Protein backbone atom coordinates (compact mmCIF):
# COMPACT_ATOMS: atom_id res chain seq x y z
CA MET A 1 0.00 0.00 0.00
CA GLY A 2 1.38 3.40 -0.99
CA ARG A 3 1.93 6.27 1.40
CA LEU A 4 -1.18 8.21 0.39
CA SER A 5 -3.34 5.09 0.55
CA GLN A 6 -2.17 4.52 4.11
CA ILE A 7 -3.06 8.09 4.99
CA TYR A 8 -6.52 7.71 3.47
CA GLU A 9 -7.06 4.53 5.51
CA LYS A 10 -6.12 6.35 8.70
CA ALA A 11 -8.45 9.22 7.83
CA LEU A 12 -11.31 6.84 7.04
CA ALA A 13 -10.76 5.23 10.44
CA ARG A 14 -10.89 8.75 11.98
CA GLU A 15 -7.40 8.38 13.39
CA MET A 16 -5.25 11.43 14.05
CA LEU A 17 -2.84 12.12 11.21
CA SER A 18 0.74 13.13 11.95
CA ARG A 19 1.94 16.55 10.86
CA GLU A 20 3.88 15.05 7.97
CA GLU A 21 0.87 13.01 6.87
CA ALA A 22 -1.29 16.12 6.99
CA TYR A 23 1.25 18.03 4.89
CA ALA A 24 1.28 15.18 2.38
CA LEU A 25 -2.50 15.35 1.98
CA TRP A 26 -2.24 18.98 0.95
CA GLU A 27 0.84 18.67 -1.21
CA GLU A 28 0.47 15.27 -2.87
CA ALA A 29 -3.11 13.97 -2.83
CA PRO A 30 -4.98 14.21 -6.18
CA LEU A 31 -7.98 16.46 -5.64
CA ASP A 32 -10.57 14.01 -6.97
CA THR A 33 -9.37 11.26 -4.65
CA LEU A 34 -9.05 13.67 -1.72
CA ALA A 35 -12.60 14.94 -2.21
CA ALA A 36 -13.97 11.38 -2.54
CA VAL A 37 -12.32 10.24 0.68
CA ALA A 38 -13.53 13.36 2.49
CA ASP A 39 -17.07 12.73 1.23
CA GLU A 40 -16.87 9.15 2.48
CA VAL A 41 -15.80 10.38 5.92
CA ARG A 42 -18.64 12.93 5.93
CA ARG A 43 -21.16 10.21 5.16
CA ALA A 44 -19.82 8.13 8.03
CA VAL A 45 -19.87 10.83 10.71
CA VAL A 46 -22.97 13.00 10.13
CA PRO A 47 -26.37 11.75 11.37
CA ASP A 48 -28.00 11.78 7.93
CA PRO A 49 -25.64 11.94 4.93
CA ASP A 50 -28.44 13.09 2.61
CA VAL A 51 -29.11 16.20 4.72
CA VAL A 52 -27.28 19.54 4.55
CA THR A 53 -28.07 21.93 7.38
CA TRP A 54 -28.45 25.71 7.37
CA GLN A 55 -29.39 28.45 9.82
CA ILE A 56 -31.22 31.77 10.17
CA ASP A 57 -29.51 34.33 12.34
CA ARG A 58 -28.57 37.99 12.25
CA ASN A 59 -25.11 39.49 12.46
CA VAL A 60 -25.09 42.68 14.55
CA ASN A 61 -21.94 44.65 15.19
CA ILE A 62 -21.78 45.84 18.79
CA THR A 63 -19.31 48.56 17.83
CA ASN A 64 -16.96 49.38 15.00
CA VAL A 65 -14.28 50.80 17.30
CA CYS A 66 -11.22 48.57 17.40
CA ILE A 67 -7.56 48.96 18.34
CA SER A 68 -6.27 45.67 16.91
CA GLY A 69 -5.11 47.20 13.62
CA CYS A 70 -6.02 44.21 11.46
CA LYS A 71 -4.77 44.84 7.94
CA PHE A 72 -7.54 42.75 6.35
CA CYS A 73 -10.45 44.67 7.91
CA ASN A 74 -12.10 47.70 6.31
CA PHE A 75 -14.86 47.86 8.90
CA HIS A 76 -12.95 48.90 12.01
CA CYS A 77 -12.72 52.48 13.21
CA PRO A 78 -9.92 53.92 15.39
CA PRO A 79 -11.19 55.35 18.70
CA HIS A 80 -10.28 58.92 17.73
CA ARG A 81 -12.55 58.90 14.66
CA THR A 82 -15.56 60.07 16.61
CA ASP A 83 -17.40 61.03 13.41
CA GLU A 84 -17.47 57.37 12.30
CA ALA A 85 -17.43 55.47 15.59
CA PHE A 86 -20.63 53.86 16.86
CA ILE A 87 -21.97 51.65 19.62
CA THR A 88 -25.26 49.98 18.74
CA THR A 89 -28.13 51.18 20.94
CA ILE A 90 -30.83 49.06 22.55
CA ASP A 91 -33.44 50.64 20.28
CA GLU A 92 -31.36 49.58 17.27
CA TYR A 93 -31.08 46.06 18.66
CA ARG A 94 -34.85 45.95 19.09
CA SER A 95 -35.42 46.93 15.47
CA LYS A 96 -32.87 44.42 14.16
CA ILE A 97 -34.05 41.55 16.36
CA ASP A 98 -37.72 42.14 15.56
CA ARG A 99 -36.88 41.98 11.87
CA MET A 100 -34.87 38.78 12.38
CA LEU A 101 -37.78 37.16 14.22
CA GLU A 102 -40.03 37.95 11.25
CA PHE A 103 -37.67 35.83 9.13
CA GLY A 104 -37.78 32.98 11.64
CA GLY A 105 -34.32 33.60 13.07
CA ASP A 106 -33.41 32.39 16.53
CA GLN A 107 -29.93 33.79 17.13
CA LEU A 108 -27.85 36.96 17.21
CA LEU A 109 -24.23 36.76 16.10
CA LEU A 110 -22.81 39.65 18.12
CA GLN A 111 -19.35 40.86 17.25
CA GLY A 112 -17.54 44.15 17.39
CA GLY A 113 -13.96 45.09 17.99
CA LEU A 114 -11.43 45.64 20.73
CA HIS A 115 -12.95 48.84 22.12
CA PRO A 116 -10.58 50.34 24.70
CA ASN A 117 -13.40 51.53 26.97
CA LEU A 118 -15.91 48.68 26.91
CA GLY A 119 -15.15 46.32 29.77
CA ILE A 120 -17.01 43.44 31.39
CA THR A 121 -19.77 45.59 32.91
CA PHE A 122 -20.82 46.92 29.50
CA TYR A 123 -21.20 43.42 28.07
CA GLU A 124 -22.97 42.08 31.16
CA GLU A 125 -25.52 44.87 30.93
CA LEU A 126 -25.95 44.41 27.17
CA PHE A 127 -26.42 40.64 27.30
CA SER A 128 -28.75 40.71 30.30
CA THR A 129 -30.87 43.43 28.70
CA LEU A 130 -31.18 41.53 25.43
CA LYS A 131 -32.05 38.32 27.27
CA HIS A 132 -34.69 40.14 29.30
CA LEU A 133 -36.25 41.57 26.15
CA TYR A 134 -35.86 38.41 24.03
CA PRO A 135 -35.43 35.38 26.33
CA ASN A 136 -35.69 32.88 23.47
CA VAL A 137 -33.03 34.48 21.25
CA ARG A 138 -29.64 32.83 21.52
CA LEU A 139 -26.58 35.04 21.91
CA HIS A 140 -23.68 33.68 19.82
CA ALA A 141 -21.35 36.47 20.78
CA LEU A 142 -17.87 37.89 20.80
CA GLY A 143 -14.85 35.79 19.89
CA PRO A 144 -11.64 34.78 21.66
CA PRO A 145 -9.75 38.03 20.90
CA GLU A 146 -12.66 40.08 22.26
CA VAL A 147 -12.92 37.90 25.36
CA ALA A 148 -9.17 38.18 25.97
CA HIS A 149 -9.35 41.96 25.50
CA ILE A 150 -12.32 42.34 27.87
CA ALA A 151 -10.51 40.25 30.47
CA ARG A 152 -7.36 42.35 30.16
CA ILE A 153 -8.98 45.77 30.48
CA SER A 154 -11.29 44.53 33.25
CA GLY A 155 -8.50 43.01 35.35
CA LEU A 156 -10.04 39.54 35.20
CA THR A 157 -8.92 36.07 34.25
CA VAL A 158 -10.27 34.62 31.01
CA ARG A 159 -12.23 32.02 32.99
CA ARG A 160 -13.90 34.60 35.23
CA THR A 161 -14.71 36.77 32.21
CA LEU A 162 -16.43 33.88 30.47
CA GLU A 163 -18.30 32.92 33.64
CA ARG A 164 -19.69 36.43 34.01
CA LEU A 165 -20.63 36.64 30.32
CA VAL A 166 -22.44 33.30 30.50
CA ALA A 167 -24.27 34.40 33.66
CA ALA A 168 -25.39 37.51 31.76
CA GLY A 169 -26.76 35.52 28.82
CA LEU A 170 -23.96 34.34 26.52
CA ASP A 171 -25.05 31.06 24.89
CA SER A 172 -22.13 30.17 22.63
CA LEU A 173 -18.78 31.48 21.44
CA PRO A 174 -17.98 31.92 17.73
CA GLY A 175 -14.54 31.14 16.38
CA ALA A 176 -13.91 34.70 15.23
CA GLY A 177 -10.45 36.17 15.11
CA ALA A 178 -8.60 32.92 14.44
CA GLU A 179 -7.33 33.91 10.98
CA ILE A 180 -4.23 31.66 11.01
CA LEU A 181 -3.10 30.36 14.40
CA VAL A 182 0.59 30.93 13.72
CA GLU A 183 2.25 33.77 15.60
CA ASP A 184 4.38 35.29 12.84
CA VAL A 185 1.38 35.40 10.49
CA ARG A 186 -0.74 37.12 13.15
CA ARG A 187 1.95 39.68 13.91
CA ARG A 188 2.04 40.62 10.24
CA ILE A 189 -1.70 40.90 9.60
CA SER A 190 -3.06 41.77 13.09
CA PRO A 191 -0.28 43.55 14.97
CA ALA A 192 -2.26 44.42 18.12
CA LYS A 193 -4.69 41.48 18.29
CA PRO A 194 -4.32 38.76 20.94
CA GLY A 195 -2.10 36.00 19.60
CA ALA A 196 -2.66 32.38 18.74
CA ALA A 197 -1.90 31.18 22.27
CA GLU A 198 -4.52 33.53 23.72
CA TRP A 199 -7.12 32.43 21.14
CA LEU A 200 -6.50 28.82 22.09
CA GLU A 201 -6.55 29.62 25.82
CA VAL A 202 -9.97 31.29 25.59
CA MET A 203 -11.37 28.34 23.65
CA HIS A 204 -9.89 25.84 26.10
CA GLU A 205 -11.55 27.63 29.02
CA ALA A 206 -14.84 27.68 27.09
CA HIS A 207 -14.54 23.94 26.47
CA MET A 208 -13.83 23.26 30.14
CA MET A 209 -17.01 25.22 31.00
CA ASN A 210 -19.01 23.29 28.37
CA LEU A 211 -19.72 26.49 26.45
CA PRO A 212 -20.48 25.59 22.80
CA THR A 213 -17.94 26.99 20.32
CA SER A 214 -16.98 26.95 16.66
CA ALA A 215 -13.61 27.25 14.93
CA THR A 216 -12.67 29.19 11.81
CA MET A 217 -9.80 29.85 9.42
CA MET A 218 -9.28 32.80 7.09
CA TYR A 219 -6.77 31.72 4.45
CA GLY A 220 -5.29 33.11 1.26
CA HIS A 221 -3.27 36.10 2.49
CA VAL A 222 0.31 35.89 3.79
CA GLU A 223 0.33 32.35 5.19
CA THR A 224 1.94 29.34 3.54
CA PRO A 225 -0.02 26.15 2.78
CA ARG A 226 1.81 24.36 5.57
CA GLN A 227 0.78 27.07 8.02
CA ARG A 228 -2.83 26.35 7.08
CA ILE A 229 -2.22 22.75 8.06
CA ASP A 230 -0.56 23.88 11.31
CA HIS A 231 -3.73 25.87 12.02
CA LEU A 232 -5.94 22.82 11.50
CA LEU A 233 -3.72 20.69 13.72
CA ALA A 234 -3.86 23.31 16.51
CA ILE A 235 -7.66 23.20 16.39
CA ARG A 236 -7.76 19.40 16.30
CA ASP A 237 -5.35 19.09 19.21
CA LEU A 238 -7.31 21.60 21.29
CA GLN A 239 -10.51 19.68 20.59
CA ALA A 240 -8.77 16.52 21.83
CA ARG A 241 -8.32 18.24 25.21
CA CYS A 242 -12.05 18.93 25.57
CA PRO A 243 -13.60 16.89 28.40
CA GLU A 244 -15.63 13.95 27.11
CA GLY A 245 -19.28 14.86 26.81
CA ASN A 246 -18.66 18.61 26.55
CA TYR A 247 -19.58 20.53 23.40
CA GLY A 248 -16.13 21.69 22.34
CA PHE A 249 -15.96 22.82 18.71
CA LEU A 250 -19.29 22.04 17.09
CA ALA A 251 -18.13 23.13 13.64
CA PHE A 252 -15.23 24.37 11.55
CA ILE A 253 -15.68 27.14 8.98
CA PRO A 254 -12.88 28.13 6.57
CA TRP A 255 -13.17 31.14 4.28
CA ILE A 256 -11.05 32.96 1.73
CA PHE A 257 -9.46 36.33 2.52
CA ARG A 258 -11.07 39.16 0.58
CA SER A 259 -8.67 42.00 -0.14
CA THR A 260 -10.65 44.84 -1.73
CA GLY A 261 -9.62 48.15 -0.15
CA THR A 262 -7.66 46.59 2.72
CA ARG A 263 -4.23 47.58 3.97
CA LEU A 264 -2.96 44.17 2.91
CA GLU A 265 -4.03 44.98 -0.63
CA GLN A 266 -2.06 48.23 -0.40
CA GLU A 267 0.94 46.11 0.61
CA GLY A 268 0.50 43.94 -2.48
CA VAL A 269 -1.45 41.05 -0.93
CA ARG A 270 -4.51 40.44 -3.09
CA THR A 271 -7.23 37.83 -3.18
CA VAL A 272 -6.46 35.04 -5.62
CA PHE A 273 -9.49 32.80 -5.36
CA SER A 274 -9.41 29.28 -6.76
CA PRO A 275 -12.55 27.15 -6.36
CA LEU A 276 -10.41 24.01 -6.59
CA GLU A 277 -8.12 25.23 -3.82
CA TYR A 278 -11.17 25.91 -1.65
CA VAL A 279 -12.38 22.35 -2.26
CA ARG A 280 -8.94 21.11 -1.18
CA VAL A 281 -9.21 23.20 2.01
CA ILE A 282 -12.62 21.68 2.78
CA ALA A 283 -11.51 18.12 2.03
CA VAL A 284 -8.27 18.34 4.00
CA SER A 285 -10.17 19.92 6.90
CA ARG A 286 -12.60 16.99 6.97
CA LEU A 287 -9.75 14.48 7.08
CA ILE A 288 -7.53 16.29 9.60
CA LEU A 289 -10.31 17.40 11.95
CA CYS A 290 -11.29 13.86 12.84
CA ASN A 291 -12.91 15.02 16.10
CA ILE A 292 -15.13 17.80 14.71
CA ARG A 293 -18.36 16.62 13.12
CA ASN A 294 -19.53 19.64 11.15
CA ILE A 295 -17.64 21.37 8.32
CA GLN A 296 -19.30 24.46 6.89
CA ALA A 297 -19.13 25.75 3.32
CA SER A 298 -18.65 29.51 3.35
CA TRP A 299 -20.99 30.53 0.52
CA LEU A 300 -20.62 34.20 1.52
CA THR A 301 -16.97 34.33 0.44
CA VAL A 302 -16.83 31.63 -2.27
CA GLY A 303 -20.24 31.82 -3.94
CA LYS A 304 -23.01 29.34 -4.61
CA ALA A 305 -21.35 27.02 -7.15
CA THR A 306 -18.17 26.51 -5.13
CA ALA A 307 -20.14 25.98 -1.92
CA GLN A 308 -22.23 23.33 -3.69
CA LEU A 309 -19.05 21.58 -4.83
CA ALA A 310 -17.79 21.67 -1.23
CA LEU A 311 -20.87 19.72 -0.14
CA HIS A 312 -19.54 16.77 -2.16
CA SER A 313 -16.02 17.20 -0.75
CA GLY A 314 -16.50 16.96 3.00
CA ALA A 315 -18.79 19.85 3.99
CA ASN A 316 -22.21 19.10 5.49
CA ASP A 317 -23.49 22.57 6.36
CA MET A 318 -24.17 25.80 4.43
CA GLY A 319 -24.15 28.15 7.40
CA SER A 320 -26.52 31.05 7.83
CA ILE A 321 -28.33 33.31 5.41
CA MET A 322 -26.41 36.02 7.31
CA ILE A 323 -28.91 38.83 7.71
CA GLU A 324 -26.72 41.97 7.84
CA GLU A 325 -23.10 40.93 7.41
CA ASN A 326 -20.71 43.90 7.30
CA VAL A 327 -17.09 42.91 7.87
CA VAL A 328 -16.38 40.45 5.04
CA SER A 329 -18.73 42.29 2.71
CA SER A 330 -16.76 45.50 3.20
CA ALA A 331 -13.72 43.73 1.71
CA GLY A 332 -15.40 42.52 -1.46
CA ALA A 333 -17.62 39.53 -0.64
CA HIS A 334 -21.01 40.28 -2.18
CA ASN A 335 -22.76 36.90 -2.42
CA GLU A 336 -26.28 36.79 -1.03
CA PHE A 337 -28.82 34.14 -0.03
CA ASP A 338 -32.30 34.36 1.42
CA ALA A 339 -33.95 31.36 3.06
CA GLU A 340 -35.54 30.20 -0.17
CA GLY A 341 -32.30 30.62 -2.11
CA ILE A 342 -30.09 28.69 0.32
CA GLN A 343 -32.55 25.78 0.39
CA ARG A 344 -32.74 25.76 -3.41
CA ALA A 345 -28.94 25.71 -3.64
CA ILE A 346 -28.79 22.73 -1.28
CA ARG A 347 -31.42 20.84 -3.29
CA GLU A 348 -29.63 21.62 -6.56
CA ALA A 349 -26.52 20.00 -5.06
CA GLY A 350 -28.52 16.82 -4.44
CA PHE A 351 -29.22 17.14 -0.73
CA THR A 352 -32.19 17.75 1.56
CA PRO A 353 -32.02 21.12 3.38
CA ARG A 354 -32.80 21.11 7.09
CA LEU A 355 -32.91 24.18 9.29
CA ARG A 356 -30.81 23.94 12.47
CA ASN A 357 -29.88 25.93 15.53
CA GLN A 358 -26.37 26.68 16.81
CA LEU A 359 -26.17 23.30 18.55
CA TYR A 360 -26.91 21.57 15.23
CA GLU A 361 -30.31 20.50 16.49
CA LEU A 362 -32.88 20.42 13.68
CA ARG A 363 -35.68 23.00 13.72
CA ASP A 364 -38.98 23.19 11.92
CA CYS A 365 -38.73 25.62 9.03
CA PRO A 366 -40.82 28.78 9.65
CA ALA A 367 -43.53 29.41 7.09
CA ARG A 368 -41.79 32.51 5.82
CA SER A 369 -38.59 30.53 5.20
CA GLU A 370 -40.16 27.87 3.00
């Protein structure tokens, strides 16, 4: 049996691949074989291989003020730009949530930036107010860099910060701010953002608390292909430390860097999108992340056709219709789906669409979303 065949056998058995084996998958495996093996693994690990899940939620930016200096983000605003800076008001939340509920949504994806003046008390008051007004709306909020920042400026440990946020209403933690979990890459693209070790520390504490989380990767900027693999291995190894029976990472979502108007573009780093490379990312992710069940196709950044191809290459989820997404869109991602469109795209790919919540529990589809 050849080297690649041995690696495929290990992946099919859901065994952990070595770093060198993972590199070999990326560098040597023919894409058609890689995608076929990843699809076989998907069929073995998801509850119903004929189903592709999707979600209705709304992305609301808590603030656009951020001091992290990310070179890939057009959305952030320095604190001194008072003419552009905002903090979303409760009245604005009401309007946005009411509209989301009309569409059958059940969750707010709340993200912002590293605001120098918004500590733990601000977020406790925000989350508790939203939960009081909308007790059935889930708060999928912040991300590890934001949690680390809040802890730092509030003089708290990461664990205590998470405990207080959960007590105030936090339901789950998105994998935002991962980019590539390699320190030299992060220093180049996000000079003031908490590093890879801090991202992993926040997620480890969340896993120990049994707080549901997701993991992400933004690729296609300054990282090397092997650094993408290093990122996947860091996520897999952290998941392996999650106590048995706890949620850990429920899903992994990779997406392509979009460069339009960013500082990275000014430095000569531009988006070079290849649908086949994205399929390789999805397939390799399915085989390396042997302990994460759900792999999401990022239709927002790669478009309908590529996302559909990913569903036959290891992905089993199409994510959310993303009511009001600002950050990636501001850098050139302009794909759109409504509830009808995302279900049609799933059916066209040969699967049955099923609405889910953040815990990947199936929901009945609201009448308006049929």
